[in-house]
């Protein structure tokens, strides 16, 4: 089969490799769509990965082509999304079913071969069946959508609250998509690209809810747009000292700050900023990955709670997709055949074009649900 193989830092090649043989608890997935994550760029061009050679790609979907000997062959032919984290199932977080915080995990596309290939071997437990109306492209965005939903749900926004989102990459925009679906209307967005403003328009956010931090003082803008009160919730999706300070300075007394963005460098708080956390009794918390149910029993246990809190993040997203409540495809800015995917990597690496989500599709059908 053809696959994009990372042999070393900045040595990324499309080449013919052996088709993987699924292990006893795995399936072979024919990849139909695969998205490039922002983390794939430093992985390929700057930092490398945990071992070489390796096939990257952790945002992908497809059709089950083969099953291992312990896997029900009823999976064959089914359309699936894939949860990329492979937990150890033995550490303390895993025992609590908090798999996103596993201490000894593997991961498709960074620690083991992933989805930038014609076929990928995937643990059967990591599959999520797709409803007919959910396209392969949408399913390839399940992972970043679930990450955004995880961040959103951890601080439980309420419809009347004012919510600020700083940082409008893929996760920040998906966060706004799901905030709006959840009924939150007082959303203030801070970005630094004209293209982001266009994307916000596609998500239904009015122009006055957008602050261009290149041209405006974001702190003063937040003060003006909250009547001096500050935001009830502040999602920091950048990972820089400056934006973290904005978040703490402009969150209302008793408010919540969610740290979403991976840090660019050391994060250091000035004494005056730290004081504001104390004196305003702010809740400052972090988020990592997303929740997933690894067995029917776990999912059933959650469902019997009869509340939306009972759904894991992936089921929450899939429910919204299946009911047509969200449409993330508006954020896909580029599509390439999988064997031309390097064009997308170059766009993201060199910033030659505006982009949000770049998608690789196979056989021209990544955008079509299978009815």
Protein backbone atom coordinates (compact mmCIF):
# COMPACT_ATOMS: atom_id res chain seq x y z
CA UNK A 1 0.00 0.00 0.00
CA UNK A 2 1.02 3.66 -0.25
CA UNK A 3 1.72 5.53 2.95
CA UNK A 4 3.34 8.77 4.09
CA UNK A 5 6.29 7.62 6.18
CA UNK A 6 8.33 9.82 8.51
CA UNK A 7 11.89 8.45 8.47
CA UNK A 8 13.48 11.29 10.42
CA UNK A 9 12.88 14.96 11.13
CA UNK A 10 12.06 16.63 7.79
CA UNK A 11 12.30 13.30 5.95
CA UNK A 12 8.67 12.61 5.03
CA UNK A 13 8.02 10.41 1.99
CA UNK A 14 5.17 8.80 0.12
CA UNK A 15 6.22 5.22 -0.50
CA UNK A 16 5.04 1.65 -0.91
CA UNK A 17 5.00 -0.30 2.37
CA UNK A 18 3.57 -3.61 3.50
CA UNK A 19 -0.13 -3.51 4.27
CA UNK A 20 -0.51 -3.94 8.05
CA UNK A 21 -1.79 -7.24 9.41
CA UNK A 22 -4.34 -6.62 12.19
CA UNK A 23 -3.48 -8.14 15.56
CA UNK A 24 -5.90 -10.44 17.32
CA UNK A 25 -7.80 -7.52 18.90
CA UNK A 26 -7.44 -5.15 15.95
CA UNK A 27 -9.12 -4.38 12.66
CA UNK A 28 -7.74 -3.16 9.37
CA UNK A 29 -9.35 0.15 8.37
CA UNK A 30 -9.36 1.32 4.77
CA UNK A 31 -8.73 5.04 5.27
CA UNK A 32 -11.24 7.30 3.50
CA UNK A 33 -10.42 10.71 5.02
CA UNK A 34 -7.58 12.02 7.17
CA UNK A 35 -7.10 15.51 8.57
CA UNK A 36 -3.78 17.23 9.28
CA UNK A 37 -3.52 18.38 12.89
CA UNK A 38 -1.46 21.40 13.86
CA UNK A 39 0.66 19.05 16.01
CA UNK A 40 1.64 17.08 12.89
CA UNK A 41 3.70 20.00 11.56
CA UNK A 42 6.34 20.15 14.35
CA UNK A 43 6.21 16.34 14.51
CA UNK A 44 7.28 16.09 10.86
CA UNK A 45 9.53 19.13 10.46
CA UNK A 46 10.94 20.08 13.86
CA UNK A 47 10.71 17.65 16.76
CA UNK A 48 10.30 14.21 15.25
CA UNK A 49 8.39 11.44 16.96
CA UNK A 50 8.98 8.63 19.44
CA UNK A 51 10.44 6.21 16.90
CA UNK A 52 11.28 6.00 13.21
CA UNK A 53 10.04 5.08 10.69
CA UNK A 54 6.44 5.96 11.53
CA UNK A 55 3.25 6.74 9.62
CA UNK A 56 1.69 9.89 11.18
CA UNK A 57 -2.00 10.81 11.20
CA UNK A 58 -4.40 10.58 14.15
CA UNK A 59 -7.51 12.29 12.71
CA UNK A 60 -8.97 9.75 10.29
CA UNK A 61 -11.98 7.64 9.37
CA UNK A 62 -12.74 4.80 7.01
CA UNK A 63 -14.26 1.36 6.45
CA UNK A 64 -13.31 -1.84 8.27
CA UNK A 65 -11.71 -4.18 5.72
CA UNK A 66 -10.46 -7.06 7.90
CA UNK A 67 -10.69 -8.21 11.51
CA UNK A 68 -8.27 -9.91 13.88
CA UNK A 69 -9.13 -13.35 15.22
CA UNK A 70 -10.71 -12.06 18.46
CA UNK A 71 -12.84 -9.43 16.72
CA UNK A 72 -16.41 -10.01 15.52
CA UNK A 73 -16.33 -10.11 11.71
CA UNK A 74 -19.60 -8.17 11.76
CA UNK A 75 -17.36 -5.10 11.80
CA UNK A 76 -16.31 -5.77 8.20
CA UNK A 77 -17.75 -3.16 5.85
CA UNK A 78 -18.79 -0.80 8.65
CA UNK A 79 -18.00 2.90 8.44
CA UNK A 80 -16.03 4.04 11.47
CA UNK A 81 -14.32 6.90 13.23
CA UNK A 82 -11.25 6.19 15.35
CA UNK A 83 -10.29 7.30 18.86
CA UNK A 84 -6.49 7.54 18.51
CA UNK A 85 -5.40 7.16 22.15
CA UNK A 86 -4.61 3.59 23.20
CA UNK A 87 -4.67 3.49 27.02
CA UNK A 88 -2.72 1.06 29.18
CA UNK A 89 -5.90 0.17 31.13
CA UNK A 90 -3.79 -0.33 34.29
CA UNK A 91 -2.70 3.08 35.63
CA UNK A 92 -4.76 4.97 38.20
CA UNK A 93 -6.56 7.26 35.69
CA UNK A 94 -7.42 4.24 33.52
CA UNK A 95 -8.87 2.42 36.53
CA UNK A 96 -11.09 5.45 37.02
CA UNK A 97 -12.01 5.33 33.29
CA UNK A 98 -10.25 8.66 32.80
CA UNK A 99 -8.43 7.32 29.77
CA UNK A 100 -7.48 10.74 28.40
CA UNK A 101 -5.09 11.05 31.36
CA UNK A 102 -3.50 7.61 30.96
CA UNK A 103 0.11 7.60 32.17
CA UNK A 104 1.39 4.89 29.81
CA UNK A 105 -0.62 5.32 26.63
CA UNK A 106 0.18 4.64 23.02
CA UNK A 107 -1.20 6.85 20.27
CA UNK A 108 -2.01 6.27 16.63
CA UNK A 109 0.07 8.55 14.43
CA UNK A 110 2.70 9.53 16.99
CA UNK A 111 3.70 6.42 18.95
CA UNK A 112 2.43 3.82 16.51
CA UNK A 113 1.46 3.95 12.84
CA UNK A 114 -1.54 6.13 12.02
CA UNK A 115 -3.86 7.15 9.24
CA UNK A 116 -1.79 8.84 6.51
CA UNK A 117 -1.93 5.62 4.52
CA UNK A 118 -4.30 3.51 2.48
CA UNK A 119 -4.85 1.18 5.43
CA UNK A 120 -4.29 1.37 9.18
CA UNK A 121 -4.38 -1.26 11.92
CA UNK A 122 -6.60 -0.03 14.76
CA UNK A 123 -7.68 -1.62 18.07
CA UNK A 124 -11.32 -2.69 17.69
CA UNK A 125 -12.09 -1.07 21.06
CA UNK A 126 -11.14 2.32 19.57
CA UNK A 127 -13.75 2.21 16.79
CA UNK A 128 -16.88 4.31 16.81
CA UNK A 129 -19.61 3.32 14.31
CA UNK A 130 -20.85 6.14 12.10
CA UNK A 131 -24.50 6.98 11.47
CA UNK A 132 -25.39 7.08 7.79
CA UNK A 133 -25.69 10.86 7.60
CA UNK A 134 -22.18 11.47 9.01
CA UNK A 135 -19.60 11.83 6.23
CA UNK A 136 -16.07 10.45 6.29
CA UNK A 137 -14.71 14.02 6.41
CA UNK A 138 -16.86 14.86 9.43
CA UNK A 139 -15.76 11.62 11.06
CA UNK A 140 -12.12 12.54 10.44
CA UNK A 141 -12.84 15.69 12.48
CA UNK A 142 -14.31 13.76 15.43
CA UNK A 143 -11.04 13.96 17.36
CA UNK A 144 -10.58 17.77 17.28
CA UNK A 145 -14.33 18.23 17.82
CA UNK A 146 -14.20 15.98 20.89
CA UNK A 147 -11.18 17.93 22.20
CA UNK A 148 -13.16 21.17 21.86
CA UNK A 149 -16.22 19.63 23.50
CA UNK A 150 -14.11 18.28 26.38
CA UNK A 151 -12.80 21.80 27.05
CA UNK A 152 -16.31 23.23 26.81
CA UNK A 153 -17.97 20.72 29.12
CA UNK A 154 -15.31 20.80 31.83
CA UNK A 155 -16.44 24.28 32.89
CA UNK A 156 -20.10 23.85 31.95
CA UNK A 157 -21.13 27.11 30.22
CA UNK A 158 -24.66 28.34 30.79
CA UNK A 159 -26.68 29.99 28.03
CA UNK A 160 -26.88 33.49 29.62
CA UNK A 161 -23.17 33.71 30.41
CA UNK A 162 -20.63 35.80 28.52
CA UNK A 163 -17.90 33.58 27.10
CA UNK A 164 -14.58 34.79 25.67
CA UNK A 165 -12.53 32.61 23.30
CA UNK A 166 -8.98 33.75 22.63
CA UNK A 167 -7.20 31.90 19.82
CA UNK A 168 -9.11 30.94 16.68
CA UNK A 169 -7.33 27.95 15.25
CA UNK A 170 -9.22 24.73 14.62
CA UNK A 171 -9.97 24.03 18.29
CA UNK A 172 -11.02 27.60 19.08
CA UNK A 173 -13.40 27.72 16.11
CA UNK A 174 -14.84 24.29 16.90
CA UNK A 175 -15.32 25.43 20.49
CA UNK A 176 -17.40 28.37 19.24
CA UNK A 177 -19.37 26.00 16.99
CA UNK A 178 -20.35 23.85 19.98
CA UNK A 179 -20.91 26.79 22.32
CA UNK A 180 -23.45 28.16 19.87
CA UNK A 181 -25.09 24.74 19.54
CA UNK A 182 -25.35 24.63 23.34
CA UNK A 183 -27.29 27.88 23.31
CA UNK A 184 -24.53 30.30 24.37
CA UNK A 185 -25.04 33.57 22.51
CA UNK A 186 -22.81 36.06 24.31
CA UNK A 187 -19.54 34.93 22.71
CA UNK A 188 -16.54 37.24 22.30
CA UNK A 189 -13.78 36.04 19.96
CA UNK A 190 -10.19 37.29 19.87
CA UNK A 191 -7.98 36.46 16.90
CA UNK A 192 -5.26 37.87 14.70
CA UNK A 193 -6.10 36.96 11.09
CA UNK A 194 -8.65 38.40 8.67
CA UNK A 195 -9.43 34.85 7.58
CA UNK A 196 -10.58 33.99 11.10
CA UNK A 197 -13.17 36.74 10.88
CA UNK A 198 -14.55 35.10 7.73
CA UNK A 199 -14.72 31.75 9.51
CA UNK A 200 -16.58 33.29 12.44
CA UNK A 201 -19.14 34.61 9.97
CA UNK A 202 -19.68 31.06 8.70
CA UNK A 203 -20.33 30.01 12.29
CA UNK A 204 -22.94 32.75 12.69
CA UNK A 205 -20.99 35.08 14.97
CA UNK A 206 -21.70 38.78 14.31
CA UNK A 207 -18.85 41.09 13.27
CA UNK A 208 -19.04 43.09 16.49
CA UNK A 209 -18.15 39.95 18.48
CA UNK A 210 -14.71 39.80 16.83
CA UNK A 211 -11.56 41.51 18.10
CA UNK A 212 -8.47 41.71 15.89
CA UNK A 213 -5.65 41.77 18.43
CA UNK A 214 -3.23 43.11 15.78
CA UNK A 215 -5.19 46.34 15.51
CA UNK A 216 -7.04 46.62 18.81
CA UNK A 217 -6.12 46.50 22.47
CA UNK A 218 -7.77 43.20 23.34
CA UNK A 219 -7.92 44.00 27.04
CA UNK A 220 -9.66 47.33 26.50
CA UNK A 221 -11.97 45.70 23.93
CA UNK A 222 -12.99 43.01 26.44
CA UNK A 223 -13.63 45.64 29.09
CA UNK A 224 -15.85 47.60 26.72
CA UNK A 225 -17.77 44.55 25.52
CA UNK A 226 -18.46 43.25 29.02
CA UNK A 227 -19.43 46.59 30.55
CA UNK A 228 -16.33 46.38 32.73
CA UNK A 229 -17.52 43.16 34.37
CA UNK A 230 -15.30 40.72 32.50
CA UNK A 231 -16.23 37.39 30.93
CA UNK A 232 -17.94 34.72 33.00
CA UNK A 233 -15.85 32.11 31.18
CA UNK A 234 -12.60 32.61 29.34
CA UNK A 235 -11.15 29.95 27.04
CA UNK A 236 -7.42 30.57 26.45
CA UNK A 237 -6.61 28.65 23.24
CA UNK A 238 -3.20 30.16 22.44
CA UNK A 239 -0.72 29.18 25.16
CA UNK A 240 1.23 32.43 25.63
CA UNK A 241 1.91 34.58 28.68
CA UNK A 242 0.21 37.57 27.08
CA UNK A 243 -3.06 35.78 26.40
CA UNK A 244 -3.03 34.01 29.77
CA UNK A 245 -2.72 37.44 31.41
CA UNK A 246 -5.64 38.72 29.32
CA UNK A 247 -7.71 35.79 30.53
CA UNK A 248 -7.02 36.39 34.22
CA UNK A 249 -7.33 40.18 33.91
CA UNK A 250 -10.67 40.03 32.09
CA UNK A 251 -12.56 37.19 33.75
CA UNK A 252 -15.33 38.34 36.09
CA UNK A 253 -15.02 37.84 39.86
CA UNK A 254 -15.98 34.26 40.61
CA UNK A 255 -15.48 33.35 36.94
CA UNK A 256 -13.73 30.42 35.26
CA UNK A 257 -10.66 30.25 33.06
CA UNK A 258 -10.07 27.20 30.88
CA UNK A 259 -6.52 26.70 29.63
CA UNK A 260 -6.72 24.98 26.23
CA UNK A 261 -3.69 26.07 24.19
CA UNK A 262 -0.44 24.11 24.36
CA UNK A 263 2.29 26.40 25.75
CA UNK A 264 4.71 27.98 23.29
CA UNK A 265 7.32 28.44 26.05
CA UNK A 266 7.53 28.71 29.84
CA UNK A 267 4.42 30.27 31.34
CA UNK A 268 5.19 32.82 34.05
CA UNK A 269 2.66 34.86 36.01
CA UNK A 270 3.54 38.27 37.38
CA UNK A 271 2.74 38.79 41.04
CA UNK A 272 -0.03 41.28 40.22
CA UNK A 273 -1.70 38.75 37.90
CA UNK A 274 -1.48 35.96 40.47
CA UNK A 275 -3.11 38.25 43.01
CA UNK A 276 -6.12 38.59 40.72
CA UNK A 277 -6.67 34.83 40.77
CA UNK A 278 -6.81 34.99 44.55
CA UNK A 279 -8.78 38.19 45.03
CA UNK A 280 -11.32 37.41 42.30
CA UNK A 281 -11.61 33.79 43.42
CA UNK A 282 -11.14 32.57 39.89
CA UNK A 283 -11.32 28.92 38.94
CA UNK A 284 -8.39 28.22 36.62
CA UNK A 285 -8.30 24.75 35.13
CA UNK A 286 -6.89 22.80 32.24
CA UNK A 287 -8.13 20.33 29.66
CA UNK A 288 -6.50 17.42 27.87
CA UNK A 289 -7.73 15.24 25.04
CA UNK A 290 -11.31 13.90 25.34
CA UNK A 291 -13.40 11.25 27.08
CA UNK A 292 -14.23 7.97 25.35
CA UNK A 293 -16.10 4.81 26.40
CA UNK A 294 -14.17 1.63 25.67
CA UNK A 295 -16.99 -0.83 26.27
CA UNK A 296 -20.73 -1.10 25.80
CA UNK A 297 -21.04 -1.43 29.57
CA UNK A 298 -19.29 1.89 30.18
CA UNK A 299 -21.47 3.63 27.59
CA UNK A 300 -24.63 2.01 28.99
CA UNK A 301 -23.69 3.12 32.51
CA UNK A 302 -23.44 6.70 31.30
CA UNK A 303 -26.62 6.52 29.27
CA UNK A 304 -28.63 5.28 32.25
CA UNK A 305 -27.92 8.59 33.99
CA UNK A 306 -30.44 10.00 31.49
CA UNK A 307 -28.58 13.28 31.19
CA UNK A 308 -26.30 14.67 28.53
CA UNK A 309 -23.51 14.42 31.08
CA UNK A 310 -23.82 10.69 30.58
CA UNK A 311 -22.49 10.88 27.03
CA UNK A 312 -18.74 10.72 26.56
CA UNK A 313 -17.29 13.51 24.43
CA UNK A 314 -17.19 11.40 21.26
CA UNK A 315 -20.81 10.30 21.62
CA UNK A 316 -21.80 13.89 22.42
CA UNK A 317 -20.22 15.05 19.13
CA UNK A 318 -21.64 12.15 17.13
CA UNK A 319 -25.12 12.85 18.49
CA UNK A 320 -24.92 16.46 17.26
CA UNK A 321 -23.62 15.40 13.86
CA UNK A 322 -26.26 12.70 13.43
CA UNK A 323 -29.05 15.18 14.24
CA UNK A 324 -27.60 17.86 11.97
CA UNK A 325 -27.05 20.18 14.93
CA UNK A 326 -23.49 21.03 13.88
CA UNK A 327 -21.79 21.18 10.48
CA UNK A 328 -17.99 21.31 10.83
CA UNK A 329 -17.30 20.90 7.10
CA UNK A 330 -17.51 24.69 6.72
CA UNK A 331 -14.10 24.79 8.42
CA UNK A 332 -12.44 22.53 5.84
CA UNK A 333 -10.48 24.93 3.67
CA UNK A 334 -8.42 22.50 1.58
CA UNK A 335 -8.92 19.00 0.22
CA UNK A 336 -6.21 16.87 -1.38
CA UNK A 337 -6.04 13.27 -2.55
CA UNK A 338 -4.17 11.31 0.11
CA UNK A 339 -1.21 10.80 -2.22
CA UNK A 340 -0.88 14.60 -2.54
CA UNK A 341 -1.19 15.30 1.17
CA UNK A 342 2.28 16.83 1.40
CA UNK A 343 0.86 19.93 -0.34
CA UNK A 344 -1.27 20.50 2.74
CA UNK A 345 1.74 20.03 5.03
CA UNK A 346 3.65 22.67 3.08
CA UNK A 347 0.76 25.14 3.32
CA UNK A 348 0.65 24.71 7.10
CA UNK A 349 4.43 24.76 7.53
CA UNK A 350 5.12 27.76 5.30
CA UNK A 351 1.88 29.69 5.94
CA UNK A 352 1.55 30.31 2.20
CA UNK A 353 -2.25 30.32 2.32
CA UNK A 354 -4.97 30.86 4.88
CA UNK A 355 -6.26 27.57 6.22
CA UNK A 356 -8.23 26.02 9.05
CA UNK A 357 -8.63 22.28 8.44
CA UNK A 358 -6.76 20.57 5.62
CA UNK A 359 -8.18 17.19 4.66
CA UNK A 360 -6.84 14.27 2.69
CA UNK A 361 -9.48 12.16 0.97
CA UNK A 362 -9.37 8.86 -0.87
CA UNK A 363 -11.22 8.07 -4.08
CA UNK A 364 -12.94 11.45 -3.95
CA UNK A 365 -15.54 10.24 -1.45
CA UNK A 366 -14.33 11.69 1.82
CA UNK A 367 -17.11 14.28 1.75
CA UNK A 368 -19.98 11.87 1.14
CA UNK A 369 -21.93 9.93 3.76
CA UNK A 370 -22.77 6.39 2.76
CA UNK A 371 -26.57 6.02 2.53
